[in-house]
Amino acid sequence: MANLAMKHGYKPDDLASAAISRSSSFWGKKSNMWNECIEKYSLLCDNENGQIVEIGKIVCDYAEKQKENALEKEREEDIYGRY
């Protein structure tokens, strides 16, 4: 689908934004959710198509930052409790 979208003018960053912003629910720690996202989209980084690789990198970079933020919040909650 990504290749088809790019053939119709969508750019890798458009597709990465769509992947990041899609609505989903999860249970557990947010850091785990973001880690799963990284694991899933890192597979795109091995693709032969450079634009697909770019999508994977954009999503993984964003997810890594979100994971780090979530880990920090989780550490604070472990120390101080939820507030």
PDB file of N, CA and C in Angstrom:
ATOM      1  N   MET A   1       0.807  -1.192   0.000  1.00  0.00           N
ATOM      2  CA  MET A   1       0.000   0.000   0.000  1.00  0.00           C
ATOM      3  C   MET A   1       0.853   1.260   0.000  1.00  0.00           C
ATOM      4  N   ALA A   2       1.976   1.208   0.711  1.00  0.00           N
ATOM      5  CA  ALA A   2       2.835   2.385   0.770  1.00  0.00           C
ATOM      6  C   ALA A   2       3.366   2.730  -0.617  1.00  0.00           C
ATOM      7  N   ASN A   3       3.761   1.721  -1.365  1.00  0.00           N
ATOM      8  CA  ASN A   3       4.260   1.992  -2.726  1.00  0.00           C
ATOM      9  C   ASN A   3       3.183   2.638  -3.585  1.00  0.00           C
ATOM     10  N   LEU A   4       1.973   2.150  -3.483  1.00  0.00           N
ATOM     11  CA  LEU A   4       0.862   2.716  -4.246  1.00  0.00           C
ATOM     12  C   LEU A   4       0.600   4.168  -3.837  1.00  0.00           C
ATOM     13  N   ALA A   5       0.625   4.420  -2.538  1.00  0.00           N
ATOM     14  CA  ALA A   5       0.407   5.789  -2.053  1.00  0.00           C
ATOM     15  C   ALA A   5       1.492   6.731  -2.574  1.00  0.00           C
ATOM     16  N   MET A   6       2.740   6.258  -2.571  1.00  0.00           N
ATOM     17  CA  MET A   6       3.823   7.114  -3.059  1.00  0.00           C
ATOM     18  C   MET A   6       3.733   7.339  -4.564  1.00  0.00           C
ATOM     19  N   LYS A   7       3.223   6.353  -5.298  1.00  0.00           N
ATOM     20  CA  LYS A   7       3.014   6.539  -6.733  1.00  0.00           C
ATOM     21  C   LYS A   7       1.974   7.621  -7.004  1.00  0.00           C
ATOM     22  N   HIS A   8       1.090   7.829  -6.020  1.00  0.00           N
ATOM     23  CA  HIS A   8       0.046   8.846  -6.166  1.00  0.00           C
ATOM     24  C   HIS A   8       0.413  10.164  -5.474  1.00  0.00           C
ATOM     25  N   GLY A   9       1.684  10.334  -5.163  1.00  0.00           N
ATOM     26  CA  GLY A   9       2.154  11.619  -4.690  1.00  0.00           C
ATOM     27  C   GLY A   9       2.404  11.766  -3.191  1.00  0.00           C
ATOM     28  N   TYR A  10       2.068  10.764  -2.414  1.00  0.00           N
ATOM     29  CA  TYR A  10       2.349  10.869  -0.982  1.00  0.00           C
ATOM     30  C   TYR A  10       3.835  10.666  -0.736  1.00  0.00           C
ATOM     31  N   LYS A  11       4.356  11.402   0.219  1.00  0.00           N
ATOM     32  CA  LYS A  11       5.775  11.339   0.552  1.00  0.00           C
ATOM     33  C   LYS A  11       5.975  10.405   1.751  1.00  0.00           C
ATOM     34  N   PRO A  12       7.194   9.878   1.920  1.00  0.00           N
ATOM     35  CA  PRO A  12       7.458   8.992   3.060  1.00  0.00           C
ATOM     36  C   PRO A  12       7.071   9.605   4.407  1.00  0.00           C
ATOM     37  N   ASP A  13       7.323  10.904   4.583  1.00  0.00           N
ATOM     38  CA  ASP A  13       6.966  11.509   5.869  1.00  0.00           C
ATOM     39  C   ASP A  13       5.455  11.578   6.061  1.00  0.00           C
ATOM     40  N   ASP A  14       4.682  11.702   4.971  1.00  0.00           N
ATOM     41  CA  ASP A  14       3.215  11.651   5.070  1.00  0.00           C
ATOM     42  C   ASP A  14       2.768  10.281   5.570  1.00  0.00           C
ATOM     43  N   LEU A  15       3.358   9.250   5.008  1.00  0.00           N
ATOM     44  CA  LEU A  15       2.975   7.887   5.379  1.00  0.00           C
ATOM     45  C   LEU A  15       3.437   7.545   6.792  1.00  0.00           C
ATOM     46  N   ALA A  16       4.609   8.032   7.163  1.00  0.00           N
ATOM     47  CA  ALA A  16       5.090   7.810   8.523  1.00  0.00           C
ATOM     48  C   ALA A  16       4.172   8.497   9.531  1.00  0.00           C
ATOM     49  N   SER A  17       3.757   9.710   9.220  1.00  0.00           N
ATOM     50  CA  SER A  17       2.833  10.435  10.110  1.00  0.00           C
ATOM     51  C   SER A  17       1.521   9.694  10.251  1.00  0.00           C
ATOM     52  N   ALA A  18       1.033   9.135   9.154  1.00  0.00           N
ATOM     53  CA  ALA A  18      -0.211   8.366   9.213  1.00  0.00           C
ATOM     54  C   ALA A  18      -0.036   7.119  10.072  1.00  0.00           C
ATOM     55  N   ALA A  19       1.093   6.482   9.971  1.00  0.00           N
ATOM     56  CA  ALA A  19       1.350   5.285  10.776  1.00  0.00           C
ATOM     57  C   ALA A  19       1.430   5.626  12.259  1.00  0.00           C
ATOM     58  N   ILE A  20       2.042   6.742  12.577  1.00  0.00           N
ATOM     59  CA  ILE A  20       2.218   7.146  13.973  1.00  0.00           C
ATOM     60  C   ILE A  20       0.892   7.592  14.584  1.00  0.00           C
ATOM     61  N   SER A  21       0.085   8.295  13.804  1.00  0.00           N
ATOM     62  CA  SER A  21      -1.121   8.906  14.357  1.00  0.00           C
ATOM     63  C   SER A  21      -2.333   7.979  14.374  1.00  0.00           C
ATOM     64  N   ARG A  22      -2.202   6.790  13.856  1.00  0.00           N
ATOM     65  CA  ARG A  22      -3.364   5.902  13.833  1.00  0.00           C
ATOM     66  C   ARG A  22      -3.782   5.563  15.256  1.00  0.00           C
ATOM     67  N   SER A  23      -5.063   5.438  15.432  1.00  0.00           N
ATOM     68  CA  SER A  23      -5.621   5.182  16.757  1.00  0.00           C
ATOM     69  C   SER A  23      -5.511   3.702  17.092  1.00  0.00           C
ATOM     70  N   SER A  24      -5.071   3.431  18.299  1.00  0.00           N
ATOM     71  CA  SER A  24      -5.028   2.051  18.770  1.00  0.00           C
ATOM     72  C   SER A  24      -5.111   2.060  20.286  1.00  0.00           C
ATOM     73  N   SER A  25      -5.453   0.928  20.843  1.00  0.00           N
ATOM     74  CA  SER A  25      -5.500   0.821  22.293  1.00  0.00           C
ATOM     75  C   SER A  25      -4.424  -0.159  22.734  1.00  0.00           C
ATOM     76  N   PHE A  26      -4.038  -0.057  23.971  1.00  0.00           N
ATOM     77  CA  PHE A  26      -3.025  -0.959  24.498  1.00  0.00           C
ATOM     78  C   PHE A  26      -3.232  -1.128  25.994  1.00  0.00           C
ATOM     79  N   TRP A  27      -2.640  -2.171  26.524  1.00  0.00           N
ATOM     80  CA  TRP A  27      -2.636  -2.431  27.956  1.00  0.00           C
ATOM     81  C   TRP A  27      -1.193  -2.472  28.408  1.00  0.00           C
ATOM     82  N   GLY A  28      -0.949  -1.982  29.591  1.00  0.00           N
ATOM     83  CA  GLY A  28       0.407  -2.070  30.128  1.00  0.00           C
ATOM     84  C   GLY A  28       1.153  -0.759  30.022  1.00  0.00           C
ATOM     85  N   LYS A  29       2.465  -0.890  30.011  1.00  0.00           N
ATOM     86  CA  LYS A  29       3.324   0.291  30.005  1.00  0.00           C
ATOM     87  C   LYS A  29       3.450   0.865  28.600  1.00  0.00           C
ATOM     88  N   LYS A  30       3.432   2.195  28.556  1.00  0.00           N
ATOM     89  CA  LYS A  30       3.577   2.863  27.253  1.00  0.00           C
ATOM     90  C   LYS A  30       4.929   2.563  26.626  1.00  0.00           C
ATOM     91  N   SER A  31       5.954   2.422  27.447  1.00  0.00           N
ATOM     92  CA  SER A  31       7.281   2.123  26.892  1.00  0.00           C
ATOM     93  C   SER A  31       7.258   0.799  26.130  1.00  0.00           C
ATOM     94  N   ASN A  32       6.493  -0.170  26.608  1.00  0.00           N
ATOM     95  CA  ASN A  32       6.380  -1.448  25.897  1.00  0.00           C
ATOM     96  C   ASN A  32       5.657  -1.270  24.566  1.00  0.00           C
ATOM     97  N   MET A  33       4.626  -0.431  24.566  1.00  0.00           N
ATOM     98  CA  MET A  33       3.895  -0.170  23.333  1.00  0.00           C
ATOM     99  C   MET A  33       4.820   0.440  22.283  1.00  0.00           C
ATOM    100  N   TRP A  34       5.610   1.435  22.704  1.00  0.00           N
ATOM    101  CA  TRP A  34       6.518   2.079  21.762  1.00  0.00           C
ATOM    102  C   TRP A  34       7.619   1.125  21.325  1.00  0.00           C
ATOM    103  N   ASN A  35       8.049   0.251  22.215  1.00  0.00           N
ATOM    104  CA  ASN A  35       9.063  -0.731  21.839  1.00  0.00           C
ATOM    105  C   ASN A  35       8.524  -1.683  20.768  1.00  0.00           C
ATOM    106  N   GLU A  36       7.273  -2.084  20.903  1.00  0.00           N
ATOM    107  CA  GLU A  36       6.653  -2.930  19.884  1.00  0.00           C
ATOM    108  C   GLU A  36       6.575  -2.204  18.545  1.00  0.00           C
ATOM    109  N   CYS A  37       6.293  -0.927  18.596  1.00  0.00           N
ATOM    110  CA  CYS A  37       6.249  -0.114  17.375  1.00  0.00           C
ATOM    111  C   CYS A  37       7.635  -0.102  16.714  1.00  0.00           C
ATOM    112  N   ILE A  38       8.662   0.085  17.507  1.00  0.00           N
ATOM    113  CA  ILE A  38      10.033   0.103  16.982  1.00  0.00           C
ATOM    114  C   ILE A  38      10.374  -1.240  16.344  1.00  0.00           C
ATOM    115  N   GLU A  39      10.036  -2.328  17.039  1.00  0.00           N
ATOM    116  CA  GLU A  39      10.321  -3.654  16.504  1.00  0.00           C
ATOM    117  C   GLU A  39       9.605  -3.872  15.170  1.00  0.00           C
ATOM    118  N   LYS A  40       8.369  -3.450  15.092  1.00  0.00           N
ATOM    119  CA  LYS A  40       7.556  -3.634  13.886  1.00  0.00           C
ATOM    120  C   LYS A  40       8.101  -2.818  12.710  1.00  0.00           C
ATOM    121  N   TYR A  41       8.336  -1.534  12.932  1.00  0.00           N
ATOM    122  CA  TYR A  41       8.726  -0.662  11.837  1.00  0.00           C
ATOM    123  C   TYR A  41      10.207  -0.731  11.500  1.00  0.00           C
ATOM    124  N   SER A  42      11.028  -1.278  12.382  1.00  0.00           N
ATOM    125  CA  SER A  42      12.447  -1.440  12.058  1.00  0.00           C
ATOM    126  C   SER A  42      12.633  -2.446  10.922  1.00  0.00           C
ATOM    127  N   LEU A  43      11.647  -3.317  10.736  1.00  0.00           N
ATOM    128  CA  LEU A  43      11.712  -4.271   9.620  1.00  0.00           C
ATOM    129  C   LEU A  43      11.721  -3.551   8.272  1.00  0.00           C
ATOM    130  N   LEU A  44      11.110  -2.376   8.219  1.00  0.00           N
ATOM    131  CA  LEU A  44      11.096  -1.599   6.969  1.00  0.00           C
ATOM    132  C   LEU A  44      12.485  -1.097   6.598  1.00  0.00           C
ATOM    133  N   CYS A  45      13.364  -0.989   7.577  1.00  0.00           N
ATOM    134  CA  CYS A  45      14.708  -0.450   7.336  1.00  0.00           C
ATOM    135  C   CYS A  45      15.573  -1.394   6.501  1.00  0.00           C
ATOM    136  N   ASP A  46      15.132  -2.632   6.312  1.00  0.00           N
ATOM    137  CA  ASP A  46      15.866  -3.597   5.490  1.00  0.00           C
ATOM    138  C   ASP A  46      15.297  -3.707   4.076  1.00  0.00           C
ATOM    139  N   ASN A  47      14.338  -2.877   3.747  1.00  0.00           N
ATOM    140  CA  ASN A  47      13.678  -2.936   2.446  1.00  0.00           C
ATOM    141  C   ASN A  47      14.604  -2.424   1.353  1.00  0.00           C
ATOM    142  N   GLU A  48      14.424  -2.916   0.155  1.00  0.00           N
ATOM    143  CA  GLU A  48      15.225  -2.469  -0.995  1.00  0.00           C
ATOM    144  C   GLU A  48      14.825  -1.074  -1.469  1.00  0.00           C
ATOM    145  N   ASN A  49      13.589  -0.680  -1.188  1.00  0.00           N
ATOM    146  CA  ASN A  49      13.082   0.624  -1.615  1.00  0.00           C
ATOM    147  C   ASN A  49      13.490   1.681  -0.588  1.00  0.00           C
ATOM    148  N   GLY A  50      14.271   2.631  -1.023  1.00  0.00           N
ATOM    149  CA  GLY A  50      14.766   3.670  -0.124  1.00  0.00           C
ATOM    150  C   GLY A  50      13.662   4.486   0.541  1.00  0.00           C
ATOM    151  N   GLN A  51      12.539   4.672  -0.150  1.00  0.00           N
ATOM    152  CA  GLN A  51      11.435   5.422   0.445  1.00  0.00           C
ATOM    153  C   GLN A  51      10.776   4.631   1.573  1.00  0.00           C
ATOM    154  N   ILE A  52      10.702   3.320   1.420  1.00  0.00           N
ATOM    155  CA  ILE A  52      10.155   2.478   2.485  1.00  0.00           C
ATOM    156  C   ILE A  52      11.100   2.508   3.695  1.00  0.00           C
ATOM    157  N   VAL A  53      12.397   2.467   3.422  1.00  0.00           N
ATOM    158  CA  VAL A  53      13.386   2.571   4.498  1.00  0.00           C
ATOM    159  C   VAL A  53      13.216   3.889   5.242  1.00  0.00           C
ATOM    160  N   GLU A  54      12.995   4.962   4.498  1.00  0.00           N
ATOM    161  CA  GLU A  54      12.802   6.285   5.106  1.00  0.00           C
ATOM    162  C   GLU A  54      11.581   6.302   6.026  1.00  0.00           C
ATOM    163  N   ILE A  55      10.489   5.677   5.600  1.00  0.00           N
ATOM    164  CA  ILE A  55       9.295   5.579   6.451  1.00  0.00           C
ATOM    165  C   ILE A  55       9.647   4.869   7.752  1.00  0.00           C
ATOM    166  N   GLY A  56      10.331   3.740   7.644  1.00  0.00           N
ATOM    167  CA  GLY A  56      10.727   2.986   8.833  1.00  0.00           C
ATOM    168  C   GLY A  56      11.584   3.807   9.776  1.00  0.00           C
ATOM    169  N   LYS A  57      12.537   4.534   9.236  1.00  0.00           N
ATOM    170  CA  LYS A  57      13.422   5.353  10.076  1.00  0.00           C
ATOM    171  C   LYS A  57      12.663   6.480  10.767  1.00  0.00           C
ATOM    172  N   ILE A  58      11.770   7.137  10.044  1.00  0.00           N
ATOM    173  CA  ILE A  58      10.998   8.234  10.640  1.00  0.00           C
ATOM    174  C   ILE A  58      10.153   7.720  11.800  1.00  0.00           C
ATOM    175  N   VAL A  59       9.440   6.616  11.565  1.00  0.00           N
ATOM    176  CA  VAL A  59       8.586   6.059  12.615  1.00  0.00           C
ATOM    177  C   VAL A  59       9.433   5.591  13.795  1.00  0.00           C
ATOM    178  N   CYS A  60      10.526   4.894  13.522  1.00  0.00           N
ATOM    179  CA  CYS A  60      11.369   4.386  14.610  1.00  0.00           C
ATOM    180  C   CYS A  60      12.005   5.512  15.423  1.00  0.00           C
ATOM    181  N   ASP A  61      12.448   6.566  14.761  1.00  0.00           N
ATOM    182  CA  ASP A  61      13.030   7.705  15.484  1.00  0.00           C
ATOM    183  C   ASP A  61      11.992   8.345  16.405  1.00  0.00           C
ATOM    184  N   TYR A  62      10.799   8.530  15.894  1.00  0.00           N
ATOM    185  CA  TYR A  62       9.726   9.118  16.700  1.00  0.00           C
ATOM    186  C   TYR A  62       9.377   8.191  17.868  1.00  0.00           C
ATOM    187  N   ALA A  63       9.223   6.912  17.574  1.00  0.00           N
ATOM    188  CA  ALA A  63       8.852   5.948  18.611  1.00  0.00           C
ATOM    189  C   ALA A  63       9.936   5.839  19.683  1.00  0.00           C
ATOM    190  N   GLU A  64      11.190   5.945  19.282  1.00  0.00           N
ATOM    191  CA  GLU A  64      12.291   5.886  20.251  1.00  0.00           C
ATOM    192  C   GLU A  64      12.215   7.065  21.226  1.00  0.00           C
ATOM    193  N   LYS A  65      11.934   8.251  20.711  1.00  0.00           N
ATOM    194  CA  LYS A  65      11.797   9.427  21.585  1.00  0.00           C
ATOM    195  C   LYS A  65      10.614   9.253  22.533  1.00  0.00           C
ATOM    196  N   GLN A  66       9.505   8.746  22.008  1.00  0.00           N
ATOM    197  CA  GLN A  66       8.327   8.534  22.848  1.00  0.00           C
ATOM    198  C   GLN A  66       8.595   7.457  23.899  1.00  0.00           C
ATOM    199  N   LYS A  67       9.332   6.436  23.524  1.00  0.00           N
ATOM    200  CA  LYS A  67       9.680   5.374  24.476  1.00  0.00           C
ATOM    201  C   LYS A  67      10.534   5.935  25.617  1.00  0.00           C
ATOM    202  N   GLU A  68      11.508   6.769  25.272  1.00  0.00           N
ATOM    203  CA  GLU A  68      12.364   7.368  26.303  1.00  0.00           C
ATOM    204  C   GLU A  68      11.539   8.244  27.245  1.00  0.00           C
ATOM    205  N   ASN A  69      10.612   9.026  26.701  1.00  0.00           N
ATOM    206  CA  ASN A  69       9.729   9.841  27.543  1.00  0.00           C
ATOM    207  C   ASN A  69       8.878   8.960  28.452  1.00  0.00           C
ATOM    208  N   ALA A  70       8.353   7.883  27.892  1.00  0.00           N
ATOM    209  CA  ALA A  70       7.519   6.969  28.681  1.00  0.00           C
ATOM    210  C   ALA A  70       8.334   6.303  29.780  1.00  0.00           C
ATOM    211  N   LEU A  71       9.562   5.902  29.474  1.00  0.00           N
ATOM    212  CA  LEU A  71      10.418   5.278  30.493  1.00  0.00           C
ATOM    213  C   LEU A  71      10.699   6.237  31.641  1.00  0.00           C
ATOM    214  N   GLU A  72      10.936   7.501  31.313  1.00  0.00           N
ATOM    215  CA  GLU A  72      11.178   8.506  32.354  1.00  0.00           C
ATOM    216  C   GLU A  72       9.946   8.663  33.240  1.00  0.00           C
ATOM    217  N   LYS A  73       8.795   8.753  32.634  1.00  0.00           N
ATOM    218  CA  LYS A  73       7.550   8.879  33.405  1.00  0.00           C
ATOM    219  C   LYS A  73       7.319   7.632  34.259  1.00  0.00           C
ATOM    220  N   GLU A  74       7.587   6.469  33.706  1.00  0.00           N
ATOM    221  CA  GLU A  74       7.418   5.224  34.454  1.00  0.00           C
ATOM    222  C   GLU A  74       8.372   5.166  35.642  1.00  0.00           C
ATOM    223  N   ARG A  75       9.608   5.639  35.462  1.00  0.00           N
ATOM    224  CA  ARG A  75      10.562   5.690  36.583  1.00  0.00           C
ATOM    225  C   ARG A  75      10.043   6.615  37.682  1.00  0.00           C
ATOM    226  N   GLU A  76       9.531   7.779  37.282  1.00  0.00           N
ATOM    227  CA  GLU A  76       8.983   8.716  38.265  1.00  0.00           C
ATOM    228  C   GLU A  76       7.791   8.100  39.002  1.00  0.00           C
ATOM    229  N   GLU A  77       6.934   7.392  38.273  1.00  0.00           N
ATOM    230  CA  GLU A  77       5.783   6.743  38.909  1.00  0.00           C
ATOM    231  C   GLU A  77       6.232   5.651  39.876  1.00  0.00           C
ATOM    232  N   ASP A  78       7.314   4.944  39.531  1.00  0.00           N
ATOM    233  CA  ASP A  78       7.847   3.914  40.427  1.00  0.00           C
ATOM    234  C   ASP A  78       8.359   4.533  41.732  1.00  0.00           C
ATOM    235  N   ILE A  79       8.913   5.718  41.630  1.00  0.00           N
ATOM    236  CA  ILE A  79       9.480   6.391  42.809  1.00  0.00           C
ATOM    237  C   ILE A  79       8.385   7.110  43.609  1.00  0.00           C
ATOM    238  N   TYR A  80       7.600   7.911  42.928  1.00  0.00           N
ATOM    239  CA  TYR A  80       6.648   8.805  43.586  1.00  0.00           C
ATOM    240  C   TYR A  80       5.192   8.342  43.538  1.00  0.00           C
ATOM    241  N   GLY A  81       4.927   7.334  42.752  1.00  0.00           N
ATOM    242  CA  GLY A  81       3.549   6.889  42.576  1.00  0.00           C
ATOM    243  C   GLY A  81       2.884   7.691  41.458  1.00  0.00           C
ATOM    244  N   ARG A  82       1.694   7.292  41.111  1.00  0.00           N
ATOM    245  CA  ARG A  82       0.950   8.004  40.065  1.00  0.00           C
ATOM    246  C   ARG A  82       0.379   9.298  40.628  1.00  0.00           C
ATOM    247  N   TYR A  83       0.416  10.315  39.834  1.00  0.00           N
ATOM    248  CA  TYR A  83      -0.136  11.612  40.254  1.00  0.00           C
ATOM    249  C   TYR A  83      -1.009  12.193  39.218  1.00  0.00           C
TER     250      TYR A  83
END
